[in-house]
Amino acid sequence: MKTTAEQSNAAHAVMESYIRCGLRKMIKIAVVGPESSGKTNMCEALALEFGCIWVKEYARAHLEERGPEYTEPDLLNIAKGQLLAESEAIALAERQRVDLIICDTDMITIRIWSEEVFGRCAPELIALSEQRHYDHWLLCRPDIPWESDPLRENPHDRDRLFDVYEAELKKLGKPCTIIEGGAEQRVATAVNAIDLISKS
């Protein structure tokens, strides 16, 4: 008998397969990277550039509502909240006939978060990080000034964490473009990557 999580994952897979077999290809882009590496600004810029749907980072809303302290089980709840937000975005995109979704974070991010803070990761999170589909990842390099935020934890460790992200994406065989440089260069690099995917 399938667990609730397996049933939910199966439902997501069916929905995405239906979309990808339709007249238009639904493209999902994940924007990832260490804290304060420009991810949210990138999502906002791409949503404006393409007129597409942007899925905000559920973890921020979760922690703002419940406080900055969290436990290991909270990360699984955050992952489920992120998946629900993505599913709602897919449905909205279909209604609006939009074929691009930009996701501010992904399951690999939550996996890395768990491993960094707790030294381990729940099997369900590992499975989600390996199986959840995105068409491409934009990995933001932290070569911009740190911006303080009550929910951010690693002001002096961003470069090491960038290397962790890059290694994890390579290990899992995920297609990735590194986003770096000034604001205009960052957006141009991301737009070019998405344009190439759209034409493939």
N, C-alpha and C. Protein backbone atom coordinates (compact mmCIF):
# COMPACT_ATOMS: atom_id res chain seq x y z
N MET A 1 0.85 -1.20 0.00
CA MET A 1 0.00 0.00 0.00
C MET A 1 0.87 1.24 0.00
N LYS A 2 0.56 2.18 -0.88
CA LYS A 2 1.38 3.38 -0.99
C LYS A 2 1.13 4.32 0.18
N THR A 3 2.20 5.00 0.62
CA THR A 3 2.05 6.00 1.66
C THR A 3 1.42 7.26 1.06
N THR A 4 1.00 8.17 1.96
CA THR A 4 0.43 9.43 1.49
C THR A 4 1.43 10.20 0.65
N ALA A 5 2.71 10.18 1.07
CA ALA A 5 3.76 10.89 0.32
C ALA A 5 3.91 10.30 -1.07
N GLU A 6 3.90 8.95 -1.17
CA GLU A 6 4.03 8.31 -2.48
C GLU A 6 2.85 8.62 -3.37
N GLN A 7 1.65 8.65 -2.79
CA GLN A 7 0.46 9.01 -3.56
C GLN A 7 0.55 10.44 -4.06
N SER A 8 1.04 11.34 -3.17
CA SER A 8 1.18 12.74 -3.56
C SER A 8 2.19 12.90 -4.68
N ASN A 9 3.33 12.19 -4.56
CA ASN A 9 4.35 12.27 -5.61
C ASN A 9 3.83 11.72 -6.93
N ALA A 10 3.05 10.64 -6.85
CA ALA A 10 2.47 10.07 -8.07
C ALA A 10 1.52 11.04 -8.73
N ALA A 11 0.73 11.75 -7.91
CA ALA A 11 -0.21 12.73 -8.46
C ALA A 11 0.53 13.86 -9.15
N HIS A 12 1.63 14.33 -8.53
CA HIS A 12 2.44 15.38 -9.15
C HIS A 12 3.01 14.89 -10.47
N ALA A 13 3.48 13.64 -10.50
CA ALA A 13 4.08 13.10 -11.73
C ALA A 13 3.05 13.02 -12.84
N VAL A 14 1.82 12.58 -12.49
CA VAL A 14 0.77 12.49 -13.50
C VAL A 14 0.44 13.87 -14.05
N MET A 15 0.34 14.86 -13.15
CA MET A 15 0.02 16.21 -13.58
C MET A 15 1.10 16.75 -14.53
N GLU A 16 2.36 16.55 -14.16
CA GLU A 16 3.44 17.08 -14.97
C GLU A 16 3.54 16.34 -16.31
N SER A 17 3.29 15.02 -16.29
CA SER A 17 3.31 14.26 -17.54
C SER A 17 2.21 14.74 -18.47
N TYR A 18 1.04 15.01 -17.90
CA TYR A 18 -0.07 15.51 -18.71
C TYR A 18 0.29 16.84 -19.37
N ILE A 19 0.89 17.72 -18.58
CA ILE A 19 1.26 19.04 -19.11
C ILE A 19 2.31 18.90 -20.20
N ARG A 20 3.32 18.04 -19.94
CA ARG A 20 4.43 17.93 -20.88
C ARG A 20 4.04 17.20 -22.16
N CYS A 21 2.91 16.46 -22.13
CA CYS A 21 2.44 15.78 -23.33
C CYS A 21 1.40 16.61 -24.09
N GLY A 22 1.07 17.76 -23.57
CA GLY A 22 0.05 18.60 -24.20
C GLY A 22 0.62 19.38 -25.37
N LEU A 23 -0.16 20.38 -25.80
CA LEU A 23 0.25 21.17 -26.96
C LEU A 23 1.46 22.05 -26.64
N ARG A 24 1.60 22.44 -25.39
CA ARG A 24 2.72 23.29 -25.00
C ARG A 24 3.56 22.57 -23.96
N LYS A 25 4.81 22.87 -23.95
CA LYS A 25 5.70 22.28 -22.95
C LYS A 25 5.77 23.21 -21.75
N MET A 26 5.45 22.68 -20.59
CA MET A 26 5.58 23.44 -19.36
C MET A 26 7.03 23.34 -18.89
N ILE A 27 7.70 24.47 -18.77
CA ILE A 27 9.11 24.51 -18.36
C ILE A 27 9.19 24.96 -16.91
N LYS A 28 9.92 24.19 -16.10
CA LYS A 28 10.12 24.52 -14.70
C LYS A 28 11.60 24.78 -14.46
N ILE A 29 11.89 25.96 -13.94
CA ILE A 29 13.27 26.35 -13.63
C ILE A 29 13.40 26.50 -12.12
N ALA A 30 14.44 25.89 -11.54
CA ALA A 30 14.73 26.03 -10.12
C ALA A 30 15.89 26.99 -9.94
N VAL A 31 15.70 27.99 -9.09
CA VAL A 31 16.76 28.95 -8.77
C VAL A 31 17.28 28.61 -7.37
N VAL A 32 18.56 28.25 -7.29
CA VAL A 32 19.12 27.76 -6.04
C VAL A 32 20.45 28.44 -5.74
N GLY A 33 20.96 28.19 -4.54
CA GLY A 33 22.25 28.74 -4.13
C GLY A 33 22.26 29.07 -2.66
N PRO A 34 23.42 29.47 -2.14
CA PRO A 34 23.54 29.82 -0.72
C PRO A 34 22.67 31.02 -0.37
N GLU A 35 22.59 31.29 0.91
CA GLU A 35 21.85 32.46 1.38
C GLU A 35 22.47 33.74 0.79
N SER A 36 21.59 34.70 0.54
CA SER A 36 22.00 36.02 0.06
C SER A 36 22.88 35.93 -1.19
N SER A 37 22.43 35.11 -2.14
CA SER A 37 23.16 35.00 -3.41
C SER A 37 22.31 35.53 -4.57
N GLY A 38 21.23 36.24 -4.26
CA GLY A 38 20.45 36.89 -5.30
C GLY A 38 19.34 36.05 -5.89
N LYS A 39 18.92 34.98 -5.21
CA LYS A 39 17.92 34.08 -5.77
C LYS A 39 16.56 34.75 -5.96
N THR A 40 16.09 35.42 -4.93
CA THR A 40 14.76 36.03 -5.02
C THR A 40 14.76 37.17 -6.03
N ASN A 41 15.81 37.98 -6.05
CA ASN A 41 15.90 39.04 -7.05
C ASN A 41 15.90 38.46 -8.46
N MET A 42 16.56 37.32 -8.63
CA MET A 42 16.59 36.67 -9.93
C MET A 42 15.19 36.20 -10.32
N CYS A 43 14.48 35.60 -9.38
CA CYS A 43 13.12 35.14 -9.67
C CYS A 43 12.22 36.31 -10.07
N GLU A 44 12.31 37.39 -9.35
CA GLU A 44 11.50 38.57 -9.66
C GLU A 44 11.83 39.11 -11.05
N ALA A 45 13.12 39.17 -11.37
CA ALA A 45 13.54 39.69 -12.68
C ALA A 45 13.06 38.79 -13.81
N LEU A 46 13.14 37.48 -13.62
CA LEU A 46 12.72 36.55 -14.67
C LEU A 46 11.20 36.54 -14.83
N ALA A 47 10.47 36.66 -13.73
CA ALA A 47 9.01 36.72 -13.82
C ALA A 47 8.59 37.96 -14.61
N LEU A 48 9.31 39.07 -14.40
CA LEU A 48 9.02 40.30 -15.13
C LEU A 48 9.42 40.16 -16.60
N GLU A 49 10.58 39.56 -16.84
CA GLU A 49 11.10 39.42 -18.20
C GLU A 49 10.19 38.54 -19.06
N PHE A 50 9.74 37.44 -18.50
CA PHE A 50 8.98 36.46 -19.29
C PHE A 50 7.47 36.52 -19.06
N GLY A 51 7.05 37.31 -18.08
CA GLY A 51 5.62 37.35 -17.77
C GLY A 51 5.12 35.99 -17.30
N CYS A 52 5.90 35.33 -16.47
CA CYS A 52 5.60 33.95 -16.09
C CYS A 52 5.22 33.85 -14.61
N ILE A 53 4.96 32.63 -14.18
CA ILE A 53 4.59 32.35 -12.80
C ILE A 53 5.85 32.15 -11.96
N TRP A 54 5.85 32.77 -10.78
CA TRP A 54 6.99 32.66 -9.87
C TRP A 54 6.52 32.01 -8.58
N VAL A 55 7.17 30.89 -8.19
CA VAL A 55 6.83 30.19 -6.95
C VAL A 55 7.77 30.68 -5.86
N LYS A 56 7.23 31.35 -4.86
CA LYS A 56 8.06 31.88 -3.78
C LYS A 56 8.54 30.77 -2.86
N GLU A 57 9.58 31.08 -2.10
CA GLU A 57 10.17 30.12 -1.18
C GLU A 57 9.25 29.92 0.02
N TYR A 58 8.70 28.73 0.15
CA TYR A 58 7.75 28.46 1.22
C TYR A 58 8.42 28.53 2.59
N ALA A 59 9.69 28.16 2.68
CA ALA A 59 10.39 28.15 3.97
C ALA A 59 10.34 29.50 4.65
N ARG A 60 10.45 30.57 3.88
CA ARG A 60 10.45 31.91 4.48
C ARG A 60 9.11 32.20 5.15
N ALA A 61 8.03 31.91 4.46
CA ALA A 61 6.70 32.15 5.04
C ALA A 61 6.50 31.28 6.28
N HIS A 62 6.96 30.03 6.20
CA HIS A 62 6.84 29.10 7.33
C HIS A 62 7.58 29.63 8.55
N LEU A 63 8.81 30.07 8.37
CA LEU A 63 9.62 30.53 9.50
C LEU A 63 9.17 31.89 10.00
N GLU A 64 8.70 32.75 9.12
CA GLU A 64 8.19 34.05 9.56
C GLU A 64 6.94 33.87 10.42
N GLU A 65 6.14 32.87 10.10
CA GLU A 65 4.91 32.63 10.86
C GLU A 65 5.18 31.94 12.19
N ARG A 66 6.13 30.98 12.20
CA ARG A 66 6.33 30.15 13.38
C ARG A 66 7.59 30.49 14.17
N GLY A 67 8.40 31.40 13.65
CA GLY A 67 9.62 31.75 14.34
C GLY A 67 10.84 31.09 13.72
N PRO A 68 12.03 31.63 13.97
CA PRO A 68 13.24 31.15 13.30
C PRO A 68 13.74 29.79 13.79
N GLU A 69 13.26 29.32 14.95
CA GLU A 69 13.69 28.02 15.45
C GLU A 69 12.95 26.91 14.70
N TYR A 70 13.66 25.84 14.36
CA TYR A 70 13.02 24.75 13.64
C TYR A 70 13.69 23.43 14.02
N THR A 71 12.97 22.34 13.75
CA THR A 71 13.46 21.00 14.02
C THR A 71 13.62 20.25 12.71
N GLU A 72 14.21 19.08 12.79
CA GLU A 72 14.39 18.28 11.58
C GLU A 72 13.07 17.93 10.90
N PRO A 73 12.02 17.53 11.64
CA PRO A 73 10.73 17.27 10.98
C PRO A 73 10.14 18.48 10.29
N ASP A 74 10.48 19.69 10.76
CA ASP A 74 9.98 20.90 10.11
C ASP A 74 10.42 20.97 8.65
N LEU A 75 11.61 20.45 8.36
CA LEU A 75 12.12 20.54 7.00
C LEU A 75 11.27 19.72 6.04
N LEU A 76 10.76 18.58 6.50
CA LEU A 76 9.89 17.77 5.65
C LEU A 76 8.57 18.51 5.42
N ASN A 77 8.06 19.17 6.45
CA ASN A 77 6.84 19.97 6.28
C ASN A 77 7.07 21.13 5.32
N ILE A 78 8.25 21.74 5.40
CA ILE A 78 8.60 22.83 4.48
C ILE A 78 8.66 22.31 3.06
N ALA A 79 9.25 21.13 2.87
CA ALA A 79 9.32 20.53 1.53
C ALA A 79 7.92 20.30 0.98
N LYS A 80 7.03 19.77 1.81
CA LYS A 80 5.66 19.51 1.37
C LYS A 80 4.94 20.82 1.01
N GLY A 81 5.20 21.86 1.80
CA GLY A 81 4.61 23.16 1.49
C GLY A 81 5.12 23.71 0.17
N GLN A 82 6.40 23.50 -0.10
CA GLN A 82 6.98 23.96 -1.37
C GLN A 82 6.37 23.19 -2.54
N LEU A 83 6.19 21.89 -2.38
CA LEU A 83 5.59 21.08 -3.44
C LEU A 83 4.15 21.51 -3.72
N LEU A 84 3.42 21.81 -2.65
CA LEU A 84 2.04 22.27 -2.83
C LEU A 84 2.01 23.60 -3.57
N ALA A 85 2.92 24.51 -3.21
CA ALA A 85 2.98 25.80 -3.90
C ALA A 85 3.31 25.61 -5.38
N GLU A 86 4.19 24.67 -5.69
CA GLU A 86 4.52 24.41 -7.10
C GLU A 86 3.31 23.84 -7.85
N SER A 87 2.58 22.93 -7.20
CA SER A 87 1.40 22.36 -7.84
C SER A 87 0.34 23.43 -8.12
N GLU A 88 0.17 24.33 -7.17
CA GLU A 88 -0.78 25.43 -7.37
C GLU A 88 -0.32 26.34 -8.51
N ALA A 89 1.00 26.54 -8.61
CA ALA A 89 1.54 27.37 -9.69
C ALA A 89 1.32 26.72 -11.05
N ILE A 90 1.47 25.40 -11.11
CA ILE A 90 1.24 24.68 -12.36
C ILE A 90 -0.21 24.85 -12.80
N ALA A 91 -1.13 24.70 -11.84
CA ALA A 91 -2.55 24.85 -12.16
C ALA A 91 -2.85 26.27 -12.64
N LEU A 92 -2.26 27.26 -11.97
CA LEU A 92 -2.47 28.65 -12.37
C LEU A 92 -1.89 28.91 -13.75
N ALA A 93 -0.72 28.37 -14.00
CA ALA A 93 -0.09 28.55 -15.32
C ALA A 93 -0.95 27.96 -16.43
N GLU A 94 -1.53 26.81 -16.17
CA GLU A 94 -2.42 26.19 -17.15
C GLU A 94 -3.63 27.07 -17.43
N ARG A 95 -4.22 27.62 -16.37
CA ARG A 95 -5.39 28.48 -16.56
C ARG A 95 -5.04 29.74 -17.34
N GLN A 96 -3.84 30.27 -17.08
CA GLN A 96 -3.42 31.50 -17.74
C GLN A 96 -2.67 31.26 -19.05
N ARG A 97 -2.50 29.96 -19.40
CA ARG A 97 -1.80 29.56 -20.61
C ARG A 97 -0.37 30.13 -20.63
N VAL A 98 0.27 30.00 -19.49
CA VAL A 98 1.67 30.38 -19.33
C VAL A 98 2.49 29.09 -19.31
N ASP A 99 3.62 29.08 -20.03
CA ASP A 99 4.38 27.83 -20.15
C ASP A 99 5.72 27.85 -19.44
N LEU A 100 5.90 28.77 -18.47
CA LEU A 100 7.17 28.85 -17.73
C LEU A 100 6.88 29.12 -16.26
N ILE A 101 7.53 28.34 -15.41
CA ILE A 101 7.43 28.53 -13.96
C ILE A 101 8.84 28.66 -13.39
N ILE A 102 9.05 29.68 -12.57
CA ILE A 102 10.32 29.91 -11.90
C ILE A 102 10.14 29.57 -10.43
N CYS A 103 10.95 28.66 -9.92
CA CYS A 103 10.82 28.20 -8.54
C CYS A 103 11.97 28.73 -7.68
N ASP A 104 11.63 29.50 -6.68
CA ASP A 104 12.63 30.04 -5.75
C ASP A 104 12.93 28.96 -4.71
N THR A 105 13.83 28.08 -5.01
CA THR A 105 14.35 26.95 -4.24
C THR A 105 13.78 25.64 -4.78
N ASP A 106 14.29 24.53 -4.26
CA ASP A 106 13.89 23.20 -4.72
C ASP A 106 14.15 22.18 -3.62
N MET A 107 13.95 20.91 -3.94
CA MET A 107 14.13 19.86 -2.94
C MET A 107 15.60 19.61 -2.62
N ILE A 108 16.49 19.86 -3.58
CA ILE A 108 17.92 19.69 -3.32
C ILE A 108 18.38 20.68 -2.26
N THR A 109 17.84 21.89 -2.31
CA THR A 109 18.16 22.90 -1.31
C THR A 109 17.79 22.42 0.09
N ILE A 110 16.59 21.85 0.22
CA ILE A 110 16.14 21.39 1.54
C ILE A 110 16.97 20.20 1.99
N ARG A 111 17.38 19.36 1.06
CA ARG A 111 18.27 18.24 1.40
C ARG A 111 19.60 18.76 1.94
N ILE A 112 20.20 19.72 1.25
CA ILE A 112 21.46 20.30 1.70
C ILE A 112 21.29 20.97 3.06
N TRP A 113 20.20 21.69 3.23
CA TRP A 113 19.88 22.35 4.49
C TRP A 113 19.86 21.33 5.63
N SER A 114 19.17 20.22 5.41
CA SER A 114 19.09 19.19 6.44
C SER A 114 20.46 18.60 6.76
N GLU A 115 21.23 18.30 5.72
CA GLU A 115 22.55 17.70 5.94
C GLU A 115 23.50 18.66 6.63
N GLU A 116 23.41 19.95 6.31
CA GLU A 116 24.29 20.94 6.93
C GLU A 116 23.95 21.17 8.39
N VAL A 117 22.65 21.24 8.72
CA VAL A 117 22.24 21.58 10.07
C VAL A 117 22.18 20.36 10.98
N PHE A 118 21.65 19.25 10.46
CA PHE A 118 21.42 18.08 11.30
C PHE A 118 22.37 16.91 11.01
N GLY A 119 23.18 17.04 9.96
CA GLY A 119 24.13 16.00 9.64
C GLY A 119 23.53 14.77 8.99
N ARG A 120 22.29 14.87 8.58
CA ARG A 120 21.61 13.74 7.94
C ARG A 120 20.38 14.29 7.20
N CYS A 121 19.71 13.39 6.47
CA CYS A 121 18.54 13.81 5.71
C CYS A 121 17.54 12.65 5.66
N ALA A 122 16.28 12.96 5.86
CA ALA A 122 15.23 11.94 5.84
C ALA A 122 15.17 11.28 4.47
N PRO A 123 14.95 9.97 4.42
CA PRO A 123 14.88 9.25 3.14
C PRO A 123 13.88 9.88 2.16
N GLU A 124 12.76 10.37 2.67
CA GLU A 124 11.76 10.98 1.78
C GLU A 124 12.31 12.23 1.12
N LEU A 125 13.07 13.02 1.87
CA LEU A 125 13.68 14.22 1.29
C LEU A 125 14.74 13.85 0.25
N ILE A 126 15.50 12.81 0.54
CA ILE A 126 16.51 12.35 -0.42
C ILE A 126 15.83 11.93 -1.72
N ALA A 127 14.75 11.17 -1.60
CA ALA A 127 14.02 10.72 -2.79
C ALA A 127 13.47 11.91 -3.58
N LEU A 128 12.91 12.88 -2.89
CA LEU A 128 12.37 14.05 -3.57
C LEU A 128 13.47 14.83 -4.29
N SER A 129 14.64 14.93 -3.65
CA SER A 129 15.74 15.68 -4.27
C SER A 129 16.24 15.00 -5.53
N GLU A 130 16.10 13.69 -5.61
CA GLU A 130 16.59 12.95 -6.76
C GLU A 130 15.54 12.82 -7.87
N GLN A 131 14.27 12.82 -7.48
CA GLN A 131 13.22 12.50 -8.44
C GLN A 131 12.40 13.70 -8.90
N ARG A 132 12.35 14.75 -8.11
CA ARG A 132 11.51 15.89 -8.48
C ARG A 132 12.02 16.52 -9.77
N HIS A 133 11.14 16.70 -10.74
CA HIS A 133 11.56 17.18 -12.05
C HIS A 133 11.60 18.70 -12.15
N TYR A 134 12.72 19.20 -12.67
CA TYR A 134 12.83 20.59 -13.16
C TYR A 134 13.58 20.48 -14.48
N ASP A 135 13.33 21.41 -15.36
CA ASP A 135 14.01 21.36 -16.65
C ASP A 135 15.43 21.89 -16.57
N HIS A 136 15.68 22.78 -15.61
CA HIS A 136 17.03 23.37 -15.51
C HIS A 136 17.16 24.03 -14.15
N TRP A 137 18.40 24.09 -13.68
CA TRP A 137 18.71 24.77 -12.41
C TRP A 137 19.58 25.99 -12.71
N LEU A 138 19.27 27.10 -12.06
CA LEU A 138 20.12 28.29 -12.09
C LEU A 138 20.78 28.38 -10.71
N LEU A 139 22.10 28.18 -10.67
CA LEU A 139 22.84 28.18 -9.41
C LEU A 139 23.51 29.53 -9.22
N CYS A 140 23.06 30.27 -8.22
CA CYS A 140 23.54 31.64 -7.99
C CYS A 140 24.81 31.64 -7.15
N ARG A 141 25.85 32.22 -7.70
CA ARG A 141 27.11 32.34 -6.97
C ARG A 141 27.00 33.52 -5.99
N PRO A 142 27.51 33.38 -4.77
CA PRO A 142 27.40 34.47 -3.78
C PRO A 142 28.50 35.52 -3.94
N ASP A 143 28.63 36.05 -5.15
CA ASP A 143 29.65 37.08 -5.40
C ASP A 143 29.03 38.47 -5.31
N ILE A 144 28.04 38.61 -4.47
CA ILE A 144 27.39 39.90 -4.20
C ILE A 144 27.41 40.12 -2.70
N PRO A 145 27.28 41.36 -2.23
CA PRO A 145 27.37 41.64 -0.79
C PRO A 145 26.30 40.89 0.01
N TRP A 146 26.69 40.47 1.20
CA TRP A 146 25.76 39.83 2.13
C TRP A 146 24.71 40.83 2.59
N GLU A 147 23.47 40.44 2.60
CA GLU A 147 22.39 41.27 3.13
C GLU A 147 21.85 40.59 4.37
N SER A 148 21.94 41.29 5.50
CA SER A 148 21.51 40.71 6.77
C SER A 148 20.00 40.48 6.78
N ASP A 149 19.60 39.39 7.44
CA ASP A 149 18.20 39.01 7.50
C ASP A 149 18.05 38.11 8.74
N PRO A 150 17.02 38.31 9.56
CA PRO A 150 16.87 37.49 10.77
C PRO A 150 16.78 35.99 10.51
N LEU A 151 16.40 35.59 9.29
CA LEU A 151 16.25 34.17 8.98
C LEU A 151 17.49 33.57 8.33
N ARG A 152 18.51 34.38 8.08
CA ARG A 152 19.73 33.86 7.45
C ARG A 152 20.75 33.47 8.51
N GLU A 153 21.54 32.41 8.21
CA GLU A 153 22.39 31.80 9.23
C GLU A 153 23.87 31.74 8.89
N ASN A 154 24.26 31.91 7.63
CA ASN A 154 25.64 31.61 7.23
C ASN A 154 26.32 32.75 6.47
N PRO A 155 26.57 33.88 7.13
CA PRO A 155 27.18 35.00 6.41
C PRO A 155 28.62 34.76 5.98
N HIS A 156 29.33 33.86 6.65
CA HIS A 156 30.76 33.67 6.38
C HIS A 156 31.06 32.33 5.70
N ASP A 157 30.05 31.66 5.23
CA ASP A 157 30.24 30.31 4.72
C ASP A 157 29.62 30.13 3.33
N ARG A 158 29.38 31.22 2.65
CA ARG A 158 28.62 31.12 1.40
C ARG A 158 29.40 30.45 0.28
N ASP A 159 30.70 30.72 0.20
CA ASP A 159 31.48 30.14 -0.89
C ASP A 159 31.57 28.61 -0.76
N ARG A 160 31.77 28.15 0.47
CA ARG A 160 31.81 26.69 0.68
C ARG A 160 30.46 26.07 0.33
N LEU A 161 29.39 26.73 0.73
CA LEU A 161 28.06 26.20 0.45
C LEU A 161 27.76 26.21 -1.06
N PHE A 162 28.26 27.21 -1.76
CA PHE A 162 28.11 27.21 -3.22
C PHE A 162 28.75 25.95 -3.80
N ASP A 163 29.93 25.61 -3.31
CA ASP A 163 30.61 24.40 -3.80
C ASP A 163 29.80 23.15 -3.47
N VAL A 164 29.13 23.15 -2.31
CA VAL A 164 28.27 22.02 -1.94
C VAL A 164 27.11 21.88 -2.93
N TYR A 165 26.48 23.01 -3.25
CA TYR A 165 25.39 22.99 -4.23
C TYR A 165 25.87 22.48 -5.59
N GLU A 166 26.99 23.02 -6.04
CA GLU A 166 27.49 22.64 -7.35
C GLU A 166 27.82 21.15 -7.40
N ALA A 167 28.45 20.65 -6.34
CA ALA A 167 28.80 19.23 -6.30
C ALA A 167 27.55 18.35 -6.27
N GLU A 168 26.53 18.77 -5.52
CA GLU A 168 25.31 17.98 -5.42
C GLU A 168 24.58 17.93 -6.75
N LEU A 169 24.49 19.05 -7.43
CA LEU A 169 23.83 19.08 -8.73
C LEU A 169 24.57 18.19 -9.74
N LYS A 170 25.89 18.25 -9.70
CA LYS A 170 26.67 17.40 -10.61
C LYS A 170 26.49 15.93 -10.27
N LYS A 171 26.50 15.61 -8.98
CA LYS A 171 26.36 14.22 -8.55
C LYS A 171 25.01 13.63 -9.00
N LEU A 172 23.98 14.46 -8.93
CA LEU A 172 22.64 14.00 -9.31
C LEU A 172 22.37 14.14 -10.80
N GLY A 173 23.34 14.67 -11.55
CA GLY A 173 23.18 14.80 -13.00
C GLY A 173 22.15 15.83 -13.42
N LYS A 174 22.02 16.92 -12.66
CA LYS A 174 21.03 17.95 -12.96
C LYS A 174 21.63 19.02 -13.88
N PRO A 175 20.95 19.40 -14.95
CA PRO A 175 21.45 20.45 -15.84
C PRO A 175 21.44 21.80 -15.13
N CYS A 176 22.55 22.50 -15.21
CA CYS A 176 22.72 23.68 -14.36
C CYS A 176 23.49 24.77 -15.10
N THR A 177 23.10 26.03 -14.85
CA THR A 177 23.84 27.20 -15.32
C THR A 177 24.23 28.03 -14.11
N ILE A 178 25.49 28.41 -14.01
CA ILE A 178 25.95 29.25 -12.90
C ILE A 178 25.63 30.71 -13.21
N ILE A 179 25.02 31.37 -12.24
CA ILE A 179 24.65 32.78 -12.36
C ILE A 179 25.61 33.60 -11.50
N GLU A 180 26.33 34.52 -12.13
CA GLU A 180 27.33 35.29 -11.40
C GLU A 180 27.52 36.65 -12.04
N GLY A 181 28.29 37.52 -11.36
CA GLY A 181 28.57 38.84 -11.91
C GLY A 181 27.58 39.89 -11.44
N GLY A 182 27.56 41.00 -12.17
CA GLY A 182 26.64 42.09 -11.84
C GLY A 182 25.20 41.75 -12.19
N ALA A 183 24.30 42.64 -11.78
CA ALA A 183 22.87 42.37 -11.95
C ALA A 183 22.49 42.13 -13.41
N GLU A 184 22.97 42.96 -14.32
CA GLU A 184 22.61 42.81 -15.73
C GLU A 184 23.17 41.50 -16.30
N GLN A 185 24.42 41.18 -15.94
CA GLN A 185 25.02 39.94 -16.43
C GLN A 185 24.26 38.73 -15.91
N ARG A 186 23.84 38.78 -14.66
CA ARG A 186 23.10 37.67 -14.07
C ARG A 186 21.80 37.41 -14.82
N VAL A 187 21.05 38.46 -15.04
CA VAL A 187 19.77 38.31 -15.73
C VAL A 187 19.98 37.84 -17.16
N ALA A 188 20.97 38.42 -17.84
CA ALA A 188 21.23 38.04 -19.23
C ALA A 188 21.60 36.56 -19.33
N THR A 189 22.43 36.08 -18.40
CA THR A 189 22.82 34.67 -18.41
C THR A 189 21.61 33.77 -18.20
N ALA A 190 20.75 34.14 -17.25
CA ALA A 190 19.56 33.34 -16.97
C ALA A 190 18.59 33.34 -18.15
N VAL A 191 18.37 34.51 -18.72
CA VAL A 191 17.46 34.62 -19.85
C VAL A 191 17.95 33.78 -21.02
N ASN A 192 19.25 33.84 -21.29
CA ASN A 192 19.83 33.04 -22.38
C ASN A 192 19.64 31.55 -22.14
N ALA A 193 19.86 31.10 -20.89
CA ALA A 193 19.69 29.69 -20.56
C ALA A 193 18.25 29.24 -20.78
N ILE A 194 17.30 30.07 -20.35
CA ILE A 194 15.88 29.71 -20.49
C ILE A 194 15.47 29.74 -21.96
N ASP A 195 15.98 30.71 -22.71
CA ASP A 195 15.67 30.78 -24.14
C ASP A 195 16.14 29.51 -24.85
N LEU A 196 17.32 29.03 -24.51
CA LEU A 196 17.86 27.82 -25.13
C LEU A 196 16.98 26.61 -24.81
N ILE A 197 16.52 26.54 -23.58
CA ILE A 197 15.64 25.43 -23.18
C ILE A 197 14.31 25.51 -23.91
N SER A 198 13.78 26.71 -24.06
CA SER A 198 12.48 26.90 -24.72
C SER A 198 12.54 26.48 -26.19
N LYS A 199 13.71 26.63 -26.80
CA LYS A 199 13.84 26.32 -28.21
C LYS A 199 14.25 24.86 -28.46
N SER A 200 14.58 24.15 -27.41
CA SER A 200 15.05 22.76 -27.58
C SER A 200 13.88 21.80 -27.78
